Amino acid sequence: MNTGAGTGDPARDLPPQVLLVRHAATEWSVTGRHTGLSDLPLSIAGREAARQTARRLEGRSFERVLTSPLRRARETCEICALNAQAQIVDQLVEWDYGDYEGLTTQEIRERRPGWSLWRDGCPGGESAAEVGARADTVIAGLQSLHGQAAIFAHGHILRVLAARWIAAEPALGARLMLGTGAVSVLGYEHGAGALKRWNEGG
């Protein structure tokens, strides 16, 4: 955490905070299909929306930029002109939906009435606790942050990451709506992790 002493580097002389950037839309996200490890590109409309996200990030300097290895996150990072400094982090991939990959919530509930991703997880995929453990690894890597970081990733992993940032259970992410292309900000309040802004542009 920043002690307040200037370093001469604009990216390191800002209060420590982490910007979460959900990737812009794909053909599947528009139709509500669960898109976990399927490596889809942004749609044409998604690429245009990513340019709007890029405008929200203009003028910011980042000490660190992290991105999921999946194409839709990397494309959003590239459109935001941050790919050159981006580090690919495997733990930032989206929730593994296993047998439910590519299905909508309605289709899943036709097979399994009352199903909740956050409570029940996915057969052949991950539970909320397992995604939370991945998020904890990412957060641990940010403890030495002095300035700003940007993370480009996916709706569910980012919601879990935000929950874990404030020391809540991963399932709190169910209450954090996050639109495609949205920008959120995690920071600190008296040394404790806090949500500073959420779902801007989402």
N, C-alpha and C. Protein backbone atom coordinates (compact mmCIF):
# COMPACT_ATOMS: atom_id res chain seq x y z
N MET A 1 0.84 -1.20 0.00
CA MET A 1 0.00 0.00 0.00
C MET A 1 0.88 1.25 0.00
N ASN A 2 0.43 2.29 -0.69
CA ASN A 2 1.18 3.53 -0.79
C ASN A 2 1.34 4.19 0.57
N THR A 3 2.54 4.59 0.89
CA THR A 3 2.80 5.26 2.17
C THR A 3 2.66 6.77 2.08
N GLY A 4 2.47 7.25 0.84
CA GLY A 4 2.32 8.69 0.66
C GLY A 4 3.57 9.33 0.11
N ALA A 5 4.70 8.66 0.15
CA ALA A 5 5.93 9.23 -0.40
C ALA A 5 5.91 9.14 -1.91
N GLY A 6 6.26 10.23 -2.58
CA GLY A 6 6.25 10.24 -4.03
C GLY A 6 7.38 9.40 -4.61
N THR A 7 7.11 8.76 -5.73
CA THR A 7 8.13 7.94 -6.39
C THR A 7 8.60 8.57 -7.69
N GLY A 8 7.88 9.58 -8.18
CA GLY A 8 8.20 10.15 -9.49
C GLY A 8 7.53 9.43 -10.64
N ASP A 9 6.88 8.32 -10.36
CA ASP A 9 6.15 7.55 -11.38
C ASP A 9 4.67 7.81 -11.18
N PRO A 10 3.98 8.45 -12.16
CA PRO A 10 2.56 8.79 -11.98
C PRO A 10 1.70 7.58 -11.67
N ALA A 11 2.06 6.39 -12.20
CA ALA A 11 1.26 5.20 -11.96
C ALA A 11 1.39 4.72 -10.53
N ARG A 12 2.46 5.13 -9.83
CA ARG A 12 2.70 4.64 -8.48
C ARG A 12 2.41 5.69 -7.42
N ASP A 13 2.12 6.93 -7.82
CA ASP A 13 1.90 7.99 -6.85
C ASP A 13 0.42 8.28 -6.61
N LEU A 14 -0.47 7.44 -7.14
CA LEU A 14 -1.90 7.55 -6.89
C LEU A 14 -2.28 6.63 -5.74
N PRO A 15 -3.39 6.90 -5.04
CA PRO A 15 -3.83 5.96 -3.99
C PRO A 15 -4.03 4.57 -4.59
N PRO A 16 -3.65 3.52 -3.87
CA PRO A 16 -3.79 2.17 -4.42
C PRO A 16 -5.24 1.85 -4.74
N GLN A 17 -5.50 1.43 -5.95
CA GLN A 17 -6.82 0.98 -6.33
C GLN A 17 -6.73 0.08 -7.55
N VAL A 18 -7.75 -0.73 -7.73
CA VAL A 18 -7.79 -1.70 -8.81
C VAL A 18 -9.03 -1.47 -9.63
N LEU A 19 -8.85 -1.24 -10.93
CA LEU A 19 -9.97 -1.10 -11.85
C LEU A 19 -10.29 -2.47 -12.44
N LEU A 20 -11.53 -2.87 -12.31
CA LEU A 20 -12.00 -4.11 -12.91
C LEU A 20 -12.73 -3.77 -14.19
N VAL A 21 -12.31 -4.37 -15.29
CA VAL A 21 -12.93 -4.11 -16.59
C VAL A 21 -13.50 -5.42 -17.12
N ARG A 22 -14.82 -5.50 -17.18
CA ARG A 22 -15.42 -6.68 -17.80
C ARG A 22 -15.31 -6.53 -19.31
N HIS A 23 -14.97 -7.62 -19.98
CA HIS A 23 -14.85 -7.58 -21.44
C HIS A 23 -16.16 -7.13 -22.06
N ALA A 24 -16.09 -6.59 -23.26
CA ALA A 24 -17.28 -6.17 -23.99
C ALA A 24 -18.01 -7.41 -24.53
N ALA A 25 -19.12 -7.18 -25.21
CA ALA A 25 -20.05 -8.25 -25.56
C ALA A 25 -19.53 -9.20 -26.63
N THR A 26 -19.93 -10.46 -26.49
CA THR A 26 -19.76 -11.48 -27.53
C THR A 26 -21.15 -11.88 -27.99
N GLU A 27 -21.21 -12.71 -29.01
CA GLU A 27 -22.51 -13.19 -29.48
C GLU A 27 -23.23 -13.98 -28.39
N TRP A 28 -22.48 -14.70 -27.58
CA TRP A 28 -23.11 -15.50 -26.52
C TRP A 28 -23.58 -14.65 -25.36
N SER A 29 -22.81 -13.63 -24.99
CA SER A 29 -23.22 -12.82 -23.84
C SER A 29 -24.51 -12.06 -24.12
N VAL A 30 -24.72 -11.69 -25.38
CA VAL A 30 -25.93 -10.98 -25.76
C VAL A 30 -27.16 -11.86 -25.55
N THR A 31 -27.03 -13.15 -25.80
CA THR A 31 -28.16 -14.07 -25.69
C THR A 31 -28.23 -14.76 -24.33
N GLY A 32 -27.33 -14.41 -23.41
CA GLY A 32 -27.38 -14.96 -22.07
C GLY A 32 -26.85 -16.36 -21.92
N ARG A 33 -26.07 -16.82 -22.90
CA ARG A 33 -25.49 -18.16 -22.81
C ARG A 33 -24.26 -18.12 -21.91
N HIS A 34 -24.15 -19.09 -21.01
CA HIS A 34 -23.01 -19.14 -20.11
C HIS A 34 -21.74 -19.40 -20.90
N THR A 35 -20.84 -18.42 -20.85
CA THR A 35 -19.60 -18.48 -21.62
C THR A 35 -18.44 -18.56 -20.66
N GLY A 36 -17.98 -19.77 -20.41
CA GLY A 36 -16.87 -19.96 -19.49
C GLY A 36 -15.55 -20.00 -20.23
N LEU A 37 -15.10 -21.21 -20.54
CA LEU A 37 -13.80 -21.38 -21.17
C LEU A 37 -13.87 -21.39 -22.69
N SER A 38 -15.06 -21.31 -23.27
CA SER A 38 -15.18 -21.17 -24.73
C SER A 38 -14.52 -19.85 -25.13
N ASP A 39 -13.59 -19.92 -26.09
CA ASP A 39 -12.74 -18.76 -26.38
C ASP A 39 -13.32 -17.93 -27.52
N LEU A 40 -14.39 -17.22 -27.24
CA LEU A 40 -15.10 -16.45 -28.25
C LEU A 40 -14.50 -15.06 -28.43
N PRO A 41 -14.58 -14.52 -29.65
CA PRO A 41 -14.15 -13.13 -29.86
C PRO A 41 -15.25 -12.16 -29.49
N LEU A 42 -14.91 -10.89 -29.41
CA LEU A 42 -15.93 -9.86 -29.27
C LEU A 42 -16.78 -9.81 -30.54
N SER A 43 -18.04 -9.46 -30.37
CA SER A 43 -18.89 -9.21 -31.53
C SER A 43 -18.53 -7.84 -32.13
N ILE A 44 -19.08 -7.54 -33.28
CA ILE A 44 -18.85 -6.21 -33.89
C ILE A 44 -19.33 -5.12 -32.94
N ALA A 45 -20.52 -5.31 -32.38
CA ALA A 45 -21.05 -4.33 -31.43
C ALA A 45 -20.19 -4.28 -30.17
N GLY A 46 -19.64 -5.44 -29.79
CA GLY A 46 -18.78 -5.49 -28.61
C GLY A 46 -17.50 -4.69 -28.81
N ARG A 47 -16.96 -4.75 -30.01
CA ARG A 47 -15.73 -3.99 -30.27
C ARG A 47 -16.00 -2.48 -30.20
N GLU A 48 -17.16 -2.07 -30.68
CA GLU A 48 -17.51 -0.65 -30.58
C GLU A 48 -17.72 -0.26 -29.12
N ALA A 49 -18.36 -1.12 -28.35
CA ALA A 49 -18.56 -0.84 -26.92
C ALA A 49 -17.22 -0.78 -26.19
N ALA A 50 -16.28 -1.63 -26.59
CA ALA A 50 -14.95 -1.61 -25.97
C ALA A 50 -14.26 -0.28 -26.21
N ARG A 51 -14.51 0.34 -27.35
CA ARG A 51 -13.93 1.66 -27.61
C ARG A 51 -14.51 2.70 -26.66
N GLN A 52 -15.77 2.53 -26.27
CA GLN A 52 -16.34 3.43 -25.27
C GLN A 52 -15.70 3.19 -23.90
N THR A 53 -15.44 1.93 -23.59
CA THR A 53 -14.72 1.61 -22.35
C THR A 53 -13.34 2.26 -22.37
N ALA A 54 -12.67 2.19 -23.51
CA ALA A 54 -11.35 2.79 -23.64
C ALA A 54 -11.38 4.28 -23.32
N ARG A 55 -12.43 4.96 -23.73
CA ARG A 55 -12.53 6.39 -23.45
C ARG A 55 -12.67 6.65 -21.95
N ARG A 56 -13.29 5.72 -21.22
CA ARG A 56 -13.40 5.90 -19.77
C ARG A 56 -12.06 5.71 -19.07
N LEU A 57 -11.12 5.04 -19.73
CA LEU A 57 -9.81 4.80 -19.14
C LEU A 57 -8.76 5.79 -19.61
N GLU A 58 -9.13 6.68 -20.53
CA GLU A 58 -8.16 7.64 -21.07
C GLU A 58 -7.54 8.48 -19.96
N GLY A 59 -6.24 8.71 -20.09
CA GLY A 59 -5.54 9.57 -19.15
C GLY A 59 -5.06 8.88 -17.89
N ARG A 60 -5.38 7.61 -17.73
CA ARG A 60 -4.94 6.87 -16.55
C ARG A 60 -3.62 6.16 -16.83
N SER A 61 -2.77 6.10 -15.82
CA SER A 61 -1.54 5.32 -15.88
C SER A 61 -1.66 4.17 -14.89
N PHE A 62 -1.15 3.02 -15.29
CA PHE A 62 -1.30 1.83 -14.45
C PHE A 62 0.06 1.24 -14.11
N GLU A 63 0.21 0.96 -12.84
CA GLU A 63 1.41 0.26 -12.37
C GLU A 63 1.40 -1.17 -12.88
N ARG A 64 0.21 -1.77 -12.94
CA ARG A 64 0.07 -3.15 -13.40
C ARG A 64 -1.19 -3.31 -14.21
N VAL A 65 -1.12 -4.14 -15.25
CA VAL A 65 -2.29 -4.50 -16.05
C VAL A 65 -2.31 -6.02 -16.13
N LEU A 66 -3.42 -6.61 -15.72
CA LEU A 66 -3.59 -8.06 -15.76
C LEU A 66 -4.76 -8.40 -16.68
N THR A 67 -4.66 -9.50 -17.39
CA THR A 67 -5.77 -9.92 -18.24
C THR A 67 -5.93 -11.43 -18.22
N SER A 68 -7.17 -11.84 -18.34
CA SER A 68 -7.47 -13.25 -18.58
C SER A 68 -6.84 -13.66 -19.91
N PRO A 69 -6.45 -14.92 -20.05
CA PRO A 69 -5.90 -15.37 -21.33
C PRO A 69 -6.96 -15.53 -22.43
N LEU A 70 -8.24 -15.47 -22.07
CA LEU A 70 -9.29 -15.70 -23.07
C LEU A 70 -9.42 -14.49 -24.00
N ARG A 71 -9.74 -14.80 -25.24
CA ARG A 71 -9.66 -13.82 -26.32
C ARG A 71 -10.51 -12.58 -26.07
N ARG A 72 -11.71 -12.75 -25.56
CA ARG A 72 -12.61 -11.60 -25.39
C ARG A 72 -12.07 -10.59 -24.40
N ALA A 73 -11.36 -11.07 -23.38
CA ALA A 73 -10.73 -10.15 -22.42
C ALA A 73 -9.50 -9.49 -23.03
N ARG A 74 -8.68 -10.28 -23.73
CA ARG A 74 -7.47 -9.72 -24.34
C ARG A 74 -7.82 -8.70 -25.42
N GLU A 75 -8.88 -8.94 -26.18
CA GLU A 75 -9.29 -7.98 -27.22
C GLU A 75 -9.74 -6.67 -26.58
N THR A 76 -10.48 -6.76 -25.47
CA THR A 76 -10.91 -5.54 -24.78
C THR A 76 -9.71 -4.77 -24.26
N CYS A 77 -8.75 -5.48 -23.70
CA CYS A 77 -7.51 -4.86 -23.23
C CYS A 77 -6.77 -4.18 -24.38
N GLU A 78 -6.71 -4.84 -25.52
CA GLU A 78 -6.02 -4.28 -26.68
C GLU A 78 -6.71 -3.02 -27.17
N ILE A 79 -8.03 -3.03 -27.26
CA ILE A 79 -8.77 -1.86 -27.71
C ILE A 79 -8.57 -0.69 -26.75
N CYS A 80 -8.36 -1.01 -25.48
CA CYS A 80 -8.08 0.03 -24.48
C CYS A 80 -6.61 0.45 -24.47
N ALA A 81 -5.83 -0.07 -25.44
CA ALA A 81 -4.43 0.31 -25.65
C ALA A 81 -3.55 -0.02 -24.44
N LEU A 82 -3.88 -1.12 -23.76
CA LEU A 82 -3.09 -1.52 -22.59
C LEU A 82 -2.46 -2.89 -22.76
N ASN A 83 -2.59 -3.47 -23.93
CA ASN A 83 -2.09 -4.83 -24.15
C ASN A 83 -0.57 -4.91 -24.05
N ALA A 84 0.13 -3.83 -24.40
CA ALA A 84 1.60 -3.87 -24.42
C ALA A 84 2.18 -4.12 -23.02
N GLN A 85 1.49 -3.65 -21.98
CA GLN A 85 2.00 -3.86 -20.63
C GLN A 85 1.24 -4.94 -19.87
N ALA A 86 0.32 -5.62 -20.54
CA ALA A 86 -0.54 -6.57 -19.86
C ALA A 86 0.17 -7.88 -19.55
N GLN A 87 -0.10 -8.41 -18.38
CA GLN A 87 0.38 -9.73 -17.96
C GLN A 87 -0.81 -10.68 -18.00
N ILE A 88 -0.67 -11.80 -18.71
CA ILE A 88 -1.73 -12.80 -18.77
C ILE A 88 -1.71 -13.62 -17.48
N VAL A 89 -2.87 -13.71 -16.84
CA VAL A 89 -2.99 -14.42 -15.56
C VAL A 89 -4.05 -15.50 -15.72
N ASP A 90 -3.64 -16.74 -15.65
CA ASP A 90 -4.55 -17.86 -15.88
C ASP A 90 -5.69 -17.91 -14.87
N GLN A 91 -5.45 -17.43 -13.65
CA GLN A 91 -6.49 -17.47 -12.61
C GLN A 91 -7.66 -16.55 -12.92
N LEU A 92 -7.53 -15.69 -13.94
CA LEU A 92 -8.59 -14.75 -14.29
C LEU A 92 -9.54 -15.29 -15.35
N VAL A 93 -9.39 -16.56 -15.75
CA VAL A 93 -10.37 -17.11 -16.68
C VAL A 93 -11.75 -17.11 -16.03
N GLU A 94 -12.77 -17.17 -16.86
CA GLU A 94 -14.14 -17.16 -16.35
C GLU A 94 -14.45 -18.45 -15.61
N TRP A 95 -15.49 -18.42 -14.79
CA TRP A 95 -16.03 -19.59 -14.09
C TRP A 95 -16.14 -20.73 -15.10
N ASP A 96 -15.68 -21.90 -14.73
CA ASP A 96 -15.82 -23.09 -15.58
C ASP A 96 -17.21 -23.65 -15.37
N TYR A 97 -18.06 -23.50 -16.41
CA TYR A 97 -19.45 -23.93 -16.29
C TYR A 97 -19.65 -25.42 -16.60
N GLY A 98 -18.58 -26.11 -16.96
CA GLY A 98 -18.66 -27.55 -17.14
C GLY A 98 -19.77 -27.97 -18.09
N ASP A 99 -20.67 -28.83 -17.61
CA ASP A 99 -21.76 -29.37 -18.44
C ASP A 99 -22.75 -28.29 -18.87
N TYR A 100 -22.71 -27.14 -18.22
CA TYR A 100 -23.67 -26.07 -18.53
C TYR A 100 -23.11 -25.02 -19.49
N GLU A 101 -21.92 -25.25 -19.99
CA GLU A 101 -21.31 -24.31 -20.94
C GLU A 101 -22.21 -24.12 -22.15
N GLY A 102 -22.45 -22.87 -22.51
CA GLY A 102 -23.23 -22.55 -23.68
C GLY A 102 -24.73 -22.54 -23.47
N LEU A 103 -25.20 -22.89 -22.27
CA LEU A 103 -26.63 -22.91 -21.98
C LEU A 103 -27.05 -21.63 -21.29
N THR A 104 -28.32 -21.27 -21.41
CA THR A 104 -28.87 -20.15 -20.65
C THR A 104 -29.36 -20.66 -19.30
N THR A 105 -29.58 -19.74 -18.38
CA THR A 105 -30.11 -20.13 -17.06
C THR A 105 -31.45 -20.84 -17.21
N GLN A 106 -32.30 -20.35 -18.11
CA GLN A 106 -33.61 -20.98 -18.32
C GLN A 106 -33.44 -22.42 -18.79
N GLU A 107 -32.53 -22.66 -19.72
CA GLU A 107 -32.31 -24.02 -20.21
C GLU A 107 -31.80 -24.94 -19.11
N ILE A 108 -30.91 -24.41 -18.27
CA ILE A 108 -30.39 -25.21 -17.17
C ILE A 108 -31.51 -25.57 -16.19
N ARG A 109 -32.37 -24.60 -15.89
CA ARG A 109 -33.44 -24.85 -14.91
C ARG A 109 -34.52 -25.77 -15.46
N GLU A 110 -34.61 -25.90 -16.76
CA GLU A 110 -35.51 -26.90 -17.32
C GLU A 110 -35.01 -28.31 -17.00
N ARG A 111 -33.69 -28.46 -16.90
CA ARG A 111 -33.09 -29.73 -16.52
C ARG A 111 -33.03 -29.90 -15.01
N ARG A 112 -32.77 -28.78 -14.32
CA ARG A 112 -32.54 -28.81 -12.87
C ARG A 112 -33.28 -27.65 -12.22
N PRO A 113 -34.56 -27.84 -11.92
CA PRO A 113 -35.38 -26.74 -11.37
C PRO A 113 -34.75 -26.15 -10.11
N GLY A 114 -34.79 -24.81 -10.04
CA GLY A 114 -34.28 -24.11 -8.87
C GLY A 114 -32.78 -23.94 -8.82
N TRP A 115 -32.10 -24.34 -9.91
CA TRP A 115 -30.64 -24.26 -9.92
C TRP A 115 -30.16 -22.83 -9.72
N SER A 116 -29.09 -22.69 -8.90
CA SER A 116 -28.40 -21.41 -8.71
C SER A 116 -26.92 -21.64 -8.91
N LEU A 117 -26.33 -20.90 -9.81
CA LEU A 117 -24.88 -21.00 -10.03
C LEU A 117 -24.12 -20.80 -8.74
N TRP A 118 -24.53 -19.79 -7.97
CA TRP A 118 -23.78 -19.38 -6.79
C TRP A 118 -23.89 -20.38 -5.65
N ARG A 119 -24.99 -21.10 -5.59
CA ARG A 119 -25.16 -22.09 -4.54
C ARG A 119 -24.73 -23.49 -4.99
N ASP A 120 -25.07 -23.83 -6.24
CA ASP A 120 -24.95 -25.21 -6.71
C ASP A 120 -23.71 -25.48 -7.57
N GLY A 121 -23.09 -24.42 -8.10
CA GLY A 121 -21.97 -24.64 -9.01
C GLY A 121 -22.40 -25.35 -10.27
N CYS A 122 -21.47 -26.01 -10.93
CA CYS A 122 -21.75 -26.64 -12.21
C CYS A 122 -21.15 -28.05 -12.25
N PRO A 123 -21.93 -29.05 -12.63
CA PRO A 123 -21.36 -30.39 -12.78
C PRO A 123 -20.29 -30.38 -13.86
N GLY A 124 -19.15 -30.98 -13.54
CA GLY A 124 -18.05 -30.98 -14.49
C GLY A 124 -17.30 -29.67 -14.54
N GLY A 125 -17.73 -28.70 -13.71
CA GLY A 125 -17.09 -27.39 -13.69
C GLY A 125 -16.70 -27.00 -12.28
N GLU A 126 -16.91 -25.72 -11.93
CA GLU A 126 -16.44 -25.19 -10.66
C GLU A 126 -17.58 -24.82 -9.71
N SER A 127 -17.25 -24.80 -8.44
CA SER A 127 -18.12 -24.25 -7.41
C SER A 127 -17.72 -22.81 -7.12
N ALA A 128 -18.58 -22.09 -6.40
CA ALA A 128 -18.24 -20.71 -6.01
C ALA A 128 -16.97 -20.68 -5.17
N ALA A 129 -16.79 -21.67 -4.29
CA ALA A 129 -15.60 -21.70 -3.44
C ALA A 129 -14.34 -21.87 -4.27
N GLU A 130 -14.40 -22.67 -5.32
CA GLU A 130 -13.22 -22.88 -6.17
C GLU A 130 -12.88 -21.61 -6.94
N VAL A 131 -13.89 -20.91 -7.43
CA VAL A 131 -13.62 -19.64 -8.12
C VAL A 131 -13.08 -18.62 -7.11
N GLY A 132 -13.61 -18.65 -5.88
CA GLY A 132 -13.12 -17.76 -4.84
C GLY A 132 -11.66 -17.99 -4.52
N ALA A 133 -11.22 -19.25 -4.55
CA ALA A 133 -9.81 -19.54 -4.29
C ALA A 133 -8.93 -18.95 -5.38
N ARG A 134 -9.39 -18.97 -6.61
CA ARG A 134 -8.62 -18.35 -7.71
C ARG A 134 -8.55 -16.84 -7.50
N ALA A 135 -9.69 -16.25 -7.12
CA ALA A 135 -9.71 -14.80 -6.88
C ALA A 135 -8.76 -14.42 -5.76
N ASP A 136 -8.70 -15.24 -4.72
CA ASP A 136 -7.79 -14.95 -3.60
C ASP A 136 -6.33 -14.92 -4.06
N THR A 137 -5.99 -15.80 -4.99
CA THR A 137 -4.62 -15.82 -5.52
C THR A 137 -4.30 -14.51 -6.24
N VAL A 138 -5.26 -14.02 -7.03
CA VAL A 138 -5.06 -12.75 -7.74
C VAL A 138 -4.90 -11.61 -6.74
N ILE A 139 -5.76 -11.57 -5.73
CA ILE A 139 -5.71 -10.50 -4.73
C ILE A 139 -4.38 -10.53 -3.98
N ALA A 140 -3.91 -11.72 -3.65
CA ALA A 140 -2.63 -11.83 -2.94
C ALA A 140 -1.50 -11.22 -3.76
N GLY A 141 -1.58 -11.34 -5.08
CA GLY A 141 -0.55 -10.78 -5.95
C GLY A 141 -0.61 -9.27 -6.06
N LEU A 142 -1.68 -8.67 -5.55
CA LEU A 142 -1.84 -7.21 -5.61
C LEU A 142 -1.49 -6.52 -4.29
N GLN A 143 -1.07 -7.27 -3.30
CA GLN A 143 -0.83 -6.69 -1.97
C GLN A 143 0.32 -5.69 -1.96
N SER A 144 1.24 -5.80 -2.91
CA SER A 144 2.37 -4.86 -2.96
C SER A 144 2.06 -3.64 -3.84
N LEU A 145 0.82 -3.52 -4.28
CA LEU A 145 0.46 -2.43 -5.19
C LEU A 145 0.61 -1.08 -4.51
N HIS A 146 1.24 -0.13 -5.21
CA HIS A 146 1.40 1.23 -4.72
C HIS A 146 0.48 2.22 -5.44
N GLY A 147 0.15 1.94 -6.68
CA GLY A 147 -0.66 2.86 -7.47
C GLY A 147 -1.90 2.17 -8.00
N GLN A 148 -2.13 2.29 -9.30
CA GLN A 148 -3.33 1.73 -9.90
C GLN A 148 -3.01 0.47 -10.70
N ALA A 149 -3.95 -0.47 -10.66
CA ALA A 149 -3.89 -1.66 -11.51
C ALA A 149 -5.19 -1.76 -12.28
N ALA A 150 -5.14 -2.40 -13.44
CA ALA A 150 -6.34 -2.69 -14.23
C ALA A 150 -6.40 -4.19 -14.47
N ILE A 151 -7.60 -4.75 -14.32
CA ILE A 151 -7.81 -6.17 -14.56
C ILE A 151 -8.89 -6.33 -15.62
N PHE A 152 -8.56 -7.02 -16.70
CA PHE A 152 -9.52 -7.30 -17.77
C PHE A 152 -9.92 -8.77 -17.67
N ALA A 153 -11.20 -8.98 -17.39
CA ALA A 153 -11.64 -10.37 -17.22
C ALA A 153 -13.14 -10.46 -17.49
N HIS A 154 -13.84 -11.32 -16.74
CA HIS A 154 -15.19 -11.77 -17.10
C HIS A 154 -16.17 -11.51 -15.96
N GLY A 155 -17.45 -11.55 -16.30
CA GLY A 155 -18.49 -11.16 -15.36
C GLY A 155 -18.46 -11.88 -14.03
N HIS A 156 -18.43 -13.20 -14.06
CA HIS A 156 -18.55 -13.93 -12.80
C HIS A 156 -17.25 -13.93 -12.00
N ILE A 157 -16.12 -14.11 -12.63
CA ILE A 157 -14.87 -14.07 -11.87
C ILE A 157 -14.64 -12.70 -11.25
N LEU A 158 -15.02 -11.63 -11.96
CA LEU A 158 -14.84 -10.29 -11.40
C LEU A 158 -15.80 -10.04 -10.24
N ARG A 159 -17.00 -10.58 -10.31
CA ARG A 159 -17.94 -10.42 -9.20
C ARG A 159 -17.43 -11.17 -7.96
N VAL A 160 -16.87 -12.34 -8.17
CA VAL A 160 -16.29 -13.09 -7.06
C VAL A 160 -15.07 -12.35 -6.50
N LEU A 161 -14.24 -11.82 -7.39
CA LEU A 161 -13.04 -11.11 -6.96
C LEU A 161 -13.43 -9.90 -6.11
N ALA A 162 -14.47 -9.18 -6.50
CA ALA A 162 -14.92 -8.03 -5.71
C ALA A 162 -15.41 -8.47 -4.34
N ALA A 163 -16.14 -9.58 -4.28
CA ALA A 163 -16.61 -10.09 -3.00
C ALA A 163 -15.43 -10.44 -2.09
N ARG A 164 -14.45 -11.11 -2.63
CA ARG A 164 -13.30 -11.52 -1.82
C ARG A 164 -12.46 -10.30 -1.41
N TRP A 165 -12.42 -9.26 -2.26
CA TRP A 165 -11.68 -8.04 -1.93
C TRP A 165 -12.19 -7.43 -0.63
N ILE A 166 -13.50 -7.51 -0.41
CA ILE A 166 -14.09 -6.94 0.80
C ILE A 166 -14.28 -8.02 1.87
N ALA A 167 -13.57 -9.14 1.73
CA ALA A 167 -13.56 -10.22 2.73
C ALA A 167 -14.93 -10.87 2.91
N ALA A 168 -15.75 -10.87 1.84
CA ALA A 168 -17.05 -11.54 1.87
C ALA A 168 -16.95 -12.91 1.20
N GLU A 169 -17.96 -13.73 1.41
CA GLU A 169 -18.00 -15.03 0.75
C GLU A 169 -18.17 -14.84 -0.75
N PRO A 170 -17.63 -15.77 -1.56
CA PRO A 170 -17.76 -15.63 -3.01
C PRO A 170 -19.20 -15.44 -3.49
N ALA A 171 -20.16 -16.08 -2.79
CA ALA A 171 -21.55 -16.01 -3.22
C ALA A 171 -22.15 -14.61 -3.14
N LEU A 172 -21.47 -13.67 -2.45
CA LEU A 172 -21.96 -12.29 -2.46
C LEU A 172 -21.98 -11.75 -3.88
N GLY A 173 -21.13 -12.31 -4.75
CA GLY A 173 -21.11 -11.87 -6.13
C GLY A 173 -22.45 -11.96 -6.82
N ALA A 174 -23.35 -12.81 -6.32
CA ALA A 174 -24.70 -12.92 -6.88
C ALA A 174 -25.44 -11.60 -6.79
N ARG A 175 -25.06 -10.76 -5.86
CA ARG A 175 -25.75 -9.47 -5.63
C ARG A 175 -25.07 -8.31 -6.34
N LEU A 176 -24.01 -8.59 -7.10
CA LEU A 176 -23.25 -7.53 -7.76
C LEU A 176 -23.43 -7.63 -9.27
N MET A 177 -24.43 -6.96 -9.80
CA MET A 177 -24.66 -6.99 -11.24
C MET A 177 -23.50 -6.30 -11.95
N LEU A 178 -23.09 -6.86 -13.09
CA LEU A 178 -21.93 -6.32 -13.81
C LEU A 178 -22.16 -6.49 -15.30
N GLY A 179 -22.35 -5.38 -16.00
CA GLY A 179 -22.61 -5.41 -17.43
C GLY A 179 -21.35 -5.55 -18.25
N THR A 180 -21.51 -6.00 -19.50
CA THR A 180 -20.36 -6.09 -20.40
C THR A 180 -19.77 -4.70 -20.63
N GLY A 181 -18.45 -4.64 -20.65
CA GLY A 181 -17.76 -3.38 -20.86
C GLY A 181 -17.71 -2.46 -19.66
N ALA A 182 -18.30 -2.89 -18.54
CA ALA A 182 -18.37 -2.03 -17.36
C ALA A 182 -17.01 -1.89 -16.68
N VAL A 183 -16.82 -0.75 -16.02
CA VAL A 183 -15.62 -0.48 -15.24
C VAL A 183 -16.02 -0.30 -13.78
N SER A 184 -15.33 -0.99 -12.88
CA SER A 184 -15.56 -0.86 -11.44
C SER A 184 -14.22 -0.56 -10.76
N VAL A 185 -14.29 -0.02 -9.56
CA VAL A 185 -13.06 0.37 -8.86
C VAL A 185 -13.07 -0.20 -7.45
N LEU A 186 -12.01 -0.93 -7.12
CA LEU A 186 -11.78 -1.43 -5.77
C LEU A 186 -10.71 -0.57 -5.11
N GLY A 187 -10.92 -0.24 -3.86
CA GLY A 187 -9.93 0.57 -3.15
C GLY A 187 -9.83 0.15 -1.70
N TYR A 188 -9.45 1.09 -0.86
CA TYR A 188 -9.27 0.82 0.57
C TYR A 188 -9.96 1.90 1.38
N GLU A 189 -10.52 1.51 2.50
CA GLU A 189 -11.07 2.45 3.48
C GLU A 189 -10.45 2.10 4.83
N HIS A 190 -9.58 2.98 5.32
CA HIS A 190 -8.88 2.74 6.59
C HIS A 190 -8.16 1.39 6.57
N GLY A 191 -7.56 1.09 5.44
CA GLY A 191 -6.76 -0.12 5.32
C GLY A 191 -7.52 -1.38 4.96
N ALA A 192 -8.84 -1.31 4.93
CA ALA A 192 -9.65 -2.48 4.58
C ALA A 192 -10.14 -2.36 3.14
N GLY A 193 -10.21 -3.49 2.44
CA GLY A 193 -10.70 -3.47 1.07
C GLY A 193 -12.13 -2.96 1.00
N ALA A 194 -12.40 -2.12 0.00
CA ALA A 194 -13.73 -1.51 -0.14
C ALA A 194 -14.09 -1.39 -1.62
N LEU A 195 -15.39 -1.38 -1.90
CA LEU A 195 -15.87 -1.10 -3.25
C LEU A 195 -16.02 0.41 -3.39
N LYS A 196 -15.24 0.99 -4.28
CA LYS A 196 -15.26 2.45 -4.45
C LYS A 196 -16.31 2.86 -5.47
N ARG A 197 -16.34 2.18 -6.62
CA ARG A 197 -17.37 2.41 -7.64
C ARG A 197 -17.69 1.07 -8.27
N TRP A 198 -18.92 0.96 -8.81
CA TRP A 198 -19.32 -0.34 -9.34
C TRP A 198 -20.16 -0.19 -10.62
N ASN A 199 -19.82 -1.01 -11.62
CA ASN A 199 -20.63 -1.22 -12.83
C ASN A 199 -20.84 0.07 -13.63
N GLU A 200 -19.82 0.90 -13.71
CA GLU A 200 -19.94 2.13 -14.50
C GLU A 200 -19.96 1.77 -15.98
N GLY A 201 -20.98 2.24 -16.66
CA GLY A 201 -21.13 1.96 -18.09
C GLY A 201 -21.75 0.61 -18.37
N GLY A 202 -22.14 -0.14 -17.34
CA GLY A 202 -22.68 -1.48 -17.52
C GLY A 202 -24.18 -1.48 -17.70
